[in-house]
Protein backbone atom coordinates (compact mmCIF):
# COMPACT_ATOMS: atom_id res chain seq x y z
CA MET A 1 57.14 166.89 58.18
CA HIS A 2 56.04 169.27 61.01
CA VAL A 3 58.72 170.46 63.38
CA ILE A 4 58.43 172.42 66.67
CA VAL A 5 61.42 174.64 67.54
CA VAL A 6 61.58 175.52 71.21
CA GLY A 7 63.03 178.97 71.78
CA GLY A 8 62.93 182.01 69.32
CA GLY A 9 66.45 183.12 69.89
CA ILE A 10 69.04 183.52 67.13
CA SER A 11 69.72 179.71 67.18
CA GLY A 12 66.15 178.70 67.19
CA LEU A 13 65.38 181.21 64.31
CA ALA A 14 68.25 180.06 62.26
CA ALA A 15 67.21 176.38 62.96
CA ALA A 16 63.68 177.11 61.71
CA ARG A 17 64.85 178.90 58.75
CA ARG A 18 66.98 175.97 57.72
CA LEU A 19 64.08 173.56 58.33
CA LEU A 20 61.82 175.72 56.26
CA ALA A 21 64.30 175.70 53.28
CA GLY A 22 64.21 171.93 53.61
CA GLY A 23 60.50 171.84 53.04
CA ALA A 24 59.39 171.32 56.65
CA SER A 25 56.47 173.05 58.19
CA VAL A 26 57.77 174.70 61.26
CA THR A 27 56.24 176.22 64.57
CA VAL A 28 58.50 178.25 66.84
CA LEU A 29 57.56 178.39 70.58
CA GLU A 30 58.97 181.38 72.47
CA ALA A 31 58.17 182.12 76.14
CA SER A 32 58.85 185.87 76.06
CA ALA A 33 56.97 188.46 74.28
CA TRP A 34 59.73 189.02 71.49
CA LEU A 35 61.89 187.01 69.30
CA GLY A 36 65.63 187.32 69.24
CA GLY A 37 66.55 185.79 72.59
CA LYS A 38 69.60 187.84 74.07
CA LEU A 39 69.59 190.27 71.04
CA LEU A 40 67.18 193.03 71.57
CA ALA A 41 67.12 196.91 71.81
CA GLY A 42 66.98 198.71 75.09
CA GLU A 43 67.64 201.98 76.81
CA ILE A 44 70.10 203.34 79.52
CA ALA A 45 68.44 205.73 81.93
CA GLY A 46 65.34 206.06 79.71
CA SER A 47 67.09 208.04 77.07
CA ALA A 48 70.17 206.45 75.53
CA ALA A 49 69.31 203.71 72.88
CA VAL A 50 71.50 200.71 73.13
CA ASP A 51 71.72 197.08 71.88
CA LEU A 52 71.44 194.49 74.53
CA GLY A 53 73.31 191.18 74.25
CA ALA A 54 75.84 190.88 71.31
CA GLU A 55 75.82 194.14 69.57
CA SER A 56 78.28 193.26 66.67
CA MET A 57 79.74 190.26 64.70
CA LEU A 58 82.97 189.68 63.10
CA ALA A 59 82.73 190.45 59.46
CA ARG A 60 85.85 188.32 58.65
CA ARG A 61 83.73 185.39 59.55
CA PRO A 62 81.35 185.30 56.73
CA GLU A 63 78.54 183.07 58.23
CA ALA A 64 76.59 185.74 60.30
CA VAL A 65 77.07 188.39 57.54
CA GLU A 66 75.68 185.95 54.90
CA LEU A 67 72.75 184.99 57.14
CA ALA A 68 71.86 188.59 57.68
CA ARG A 69 71.85 189.20 53.93
CA ASP A 70 69.89 186.15 53.20
CA VAL A 71 67.06 187.18 55.58
CA GLY A 72 66.82 190.64 53.99
CA LEU A 73 68.84 192.60 56.59
CA GLY A 74 71.75 193.44 54.23
CA GLU A 75 70.86 197.04 53.99
CA ALA A 76 70.79 197.31 57.88
CA LEU A 77 74.34 196.15 58.30
CA GLU A 78 76.60 198.97 59.55
CA PRO A 79 80.59 199.05 59.89
CA PRO A 80 81.85 200.04 63.22
CA THR A 81 82.43 203.62 63.91
CA THR A 82 85.54 205.47 65.10
CA ALA A 83 83.72 206.82 68.13
CA SER A 84 85.55 206.22 71.47
CA ALA A 85 83.93 203.52 73.74
CA ALA A 86 82.45 204.32 77.02
CA VAL A 87 80.84 202.38 80.01
CA TRP A 88 77.78 203.49 81.95
CA SER A 89 78.82 203.13 85.65
CA ARG A 90 77.59 204.55 88.83
CA GLY A 91 75.10 206.85 87.04
CA GLU A 92 77.23 208.26 84.46
CA MET A 93 79.26 207.56 81.29
CA CYS A 94 82.94 206.87 81.96
CA PRO A 95 85.58 206.52 79.08
CA MET A 96 86.75 203.02 78.47
CA PRO A 97 89.92 202.58 80.26
CA LYS A 98 93.21 201.94 78.28
CA GLY A 99 95.43 198.96 78.86
CA HIS A 100 92.94 196.14 79.43
CA VAL A 101 92.51 192.69 78.06
CA MET A 102 88.71 192.04 77.64
CA GLY A 103 88.08 194.34 80.65
CA VAL A 104 90.86 192.86 82.87
CA PRO A 105 93.17 195.85 83.68
CA GLY A 106 97.10 195.86 84.14
CA ASP A 107 96.93 199.13 86.18
CA PRO A 108 94.42 199.87 88.98
CA ASP A 109 94.77 203.49 88.49
CA ALA A 110 93.19 203.15 84.97
CA LEU A 111 89.97 202.31 86.54
CA ARG A 112 89.64 205.22 89.02
CA GLY A 113 86.33 206.88 88.42
CA LEU A 114 84.84 203.84 86.83
CA LEU A 115 85.10 201.75 90.02
CA SER A 116 84.55 202.91 93.56
CA GLU A 117 87.57 203.54 95.79
CA ALA A 118 86.92 200.28 97.62
CA GLY A 119 86.90 198.58 94.10
CA VAL A 120 90.20 200.00 93.04
CA ALA A 121 91.69 199.10 96.41
CA ARG A 122 90.58 195.56 95.93
CA LEU A 123 92.39 195.41 92.66
CA GLU A 124 95.60 196.27 94.47
CA GLU A 125 95.26 193.24 96.75
CA ASP A 126 95.94 190.92 93.85
CA ALA A 127 99.86 191.11 94.23
CA ALA A 128 99.54 189.81 97.77
CA LEU A 129 96.97 187.06 97.22
CA PRO A 130 98.30 183.32 97.07
CA PRO A 131 97.95 181.81 93.59
CA THR A 132 94.38 180.91 92.41
CA ALA A 133 94.18 177.58 90.54
CA VAL A 134 92.84 177.57 86.97
CA GLY A 135 93.22 173.86 86.21
CA ASP A 136 92.19 172.69 82.68
CA ASP A 137 89.88 175.73 82.53
CA VAL A 138 88.07 178.22 84.66
CA ALA A 139 85.10 180.60 84.41
CA ILE A 140 86.51 184.00 83.60
CA GLY A 141 84.33 185.95 85.89
CA GLU A 142 84.92 183.82 88.78
CA TYR A 143 88.70 183.78 88.36
CA VAL A 144 88.91 187.53 87.85
CA ALA A 145 86.53 188.19 90.89
CA ALA A 146 88.82 185.95 92.99
CA ARG A 147 91.90 188.05 92.01
CA LEU A 148 90.59 191.59 91.53
CA GLY A 149 87.00 191.59 93.21
CA ARG A 150 83.50 191.38 91.70
CA GLU A 151 83.27 195.04 91.08
CA VAL A 152 85.66 194.92 88.05
CA VAL A 153 83.84 191.86 86.76
CA ASP A 154 80.36 193.53 87.07
CA ARG A 155 81.32 196.91 85.68
CA LEU A 156 83.93 196.04 82.98
CA VAL A 157 84.42 192.41 82.22
CA GLU A 158 80.75 191.39 82.12
CA PRO A 159 79.59 194.21 79.80
CA LEU A 160 82.48 193.48 77.40
CA LEU A 161 82.02 189.69 77.44
CA GLY A 162 78.21 190.11 77.19
CA GLY A 163 78.78 192.26 74.07
CA VAL A 164 80.82 189.65 72.33
CA TYR A 165 79.38 186.34 73.55
CA ALA A 166 75.88 187.23 74.97
CA GLY A 167 76.59 185.09 77.91
CA ASP A 168 77.22 185.14 81.59
CA ALA A 169 80.85 186.19 82.50
CA TYR A 170 80.72 184.02 85.57
CA ARG A 171 80.03 181.02 83.37
CA ILE A 172 82.09 181.65 80.22
CA SER A 173 85.24 179.58 79.80
CA MET A 174 88.35 181.72 80.05
CA ARG A 175 90.26 179.29 78.01
CA ALA A 176 87.73 179.46 75.10
CA ALA A 177 87.02 183.16 75.21
CA VAL A 178 90.22 184.79 76.14
CA PRO A 179 92.97 182.11 75.68
CA GLN A 180 95.91 184.62 76.11
CA LEU A 181 94.47 185.55 79.43
CA TYR A 182 94.16 181.88 80.47
CA GLU A 183 97.84 181.35 79.62
CA ALA A 184 98.89 184.51 81.69
CA ALA A 185 96.90 183.11 84.61
CA ARG A 186 98.72 179.97 84.39
CA ALA A 187 102.12 181.50 84.22
CA GLU A 188 101.74 184.38 86.67
CA ARG A 189 100.47 184.38 90.26
CA SER A 190 99.46 187.98 89.84
CA LEU A 191 96.75 188.60 87.24
CA LEU A 192 97.63 192.34 87.07
CA ARG A 193 101.27 191.30 86.23
CA GLY A 194 100.04 188.83 83.63
CA VAL A 195 97.97 191.49 81.85
CA ARG A 196 101.04 193.93 81.90
CA GLU A 197 103.10 191.04 80.34
CA LEU A 198 100.50 190.44 77.52
CA GLN A 199 100.46 194.33 76.88
CA ALA A 200 104.24 194.37 76.74
CA ARG A 201 104.17 191.47 74.09
CA ALA A 202 101.48 192.91 72.03
CA PRO A 203 102.48 194.22 68.57
CA VAL A 204 102.56 198.00 68.31
CA ARG A 205 100.08 199.37 65.73
CA ASP A 206 101.13 201.89 63.11
CA ALA A 207 99.35 205.02 63.94
CA ALA A 208 99.05 205.87 60.21
CA SER A 209 97.27 202.55 59.24
């Protein structure tokens, strides 16, 4: 049997590998000049090497780790480092702000320096805005932009979500990707207040662990 796989991203390559293991002859068609789809290497400002798309996977879910080992990438697997996270924004590296849920802040002041002054001021409008309906689900980027402005989505939420889901924050389901934020959005008119409630309920980690 000869099978044509359209798309040389991770899903297409994984499908091709399974088909080959089953004895099929496989041709992979890819429109771009590289395989891997959203997963590729890139640079920031021509000097800092970065992973584009999803740059990590959850080791507690064995499927991706097993796949990497099966295709000969076991020696290339690296555990996460203890280096502090940073965001490239407005031409410079900014420390990742504390006190956020997948990029959604609880305190506008935590984003000073990362966002423009206009962007920080837009966050502060959240408390006075009327409720924003979430219904059965809502795209996280659209909801956060409606409450806090597009700047916080484009400079913080999108990079974080893109690093995990390799997708567009303006199309990713909030209920599926960040269910605790979805519940907070349903319970609170103010998104900032909802995030602060989540933080207050979060377990305190033992500093010695």
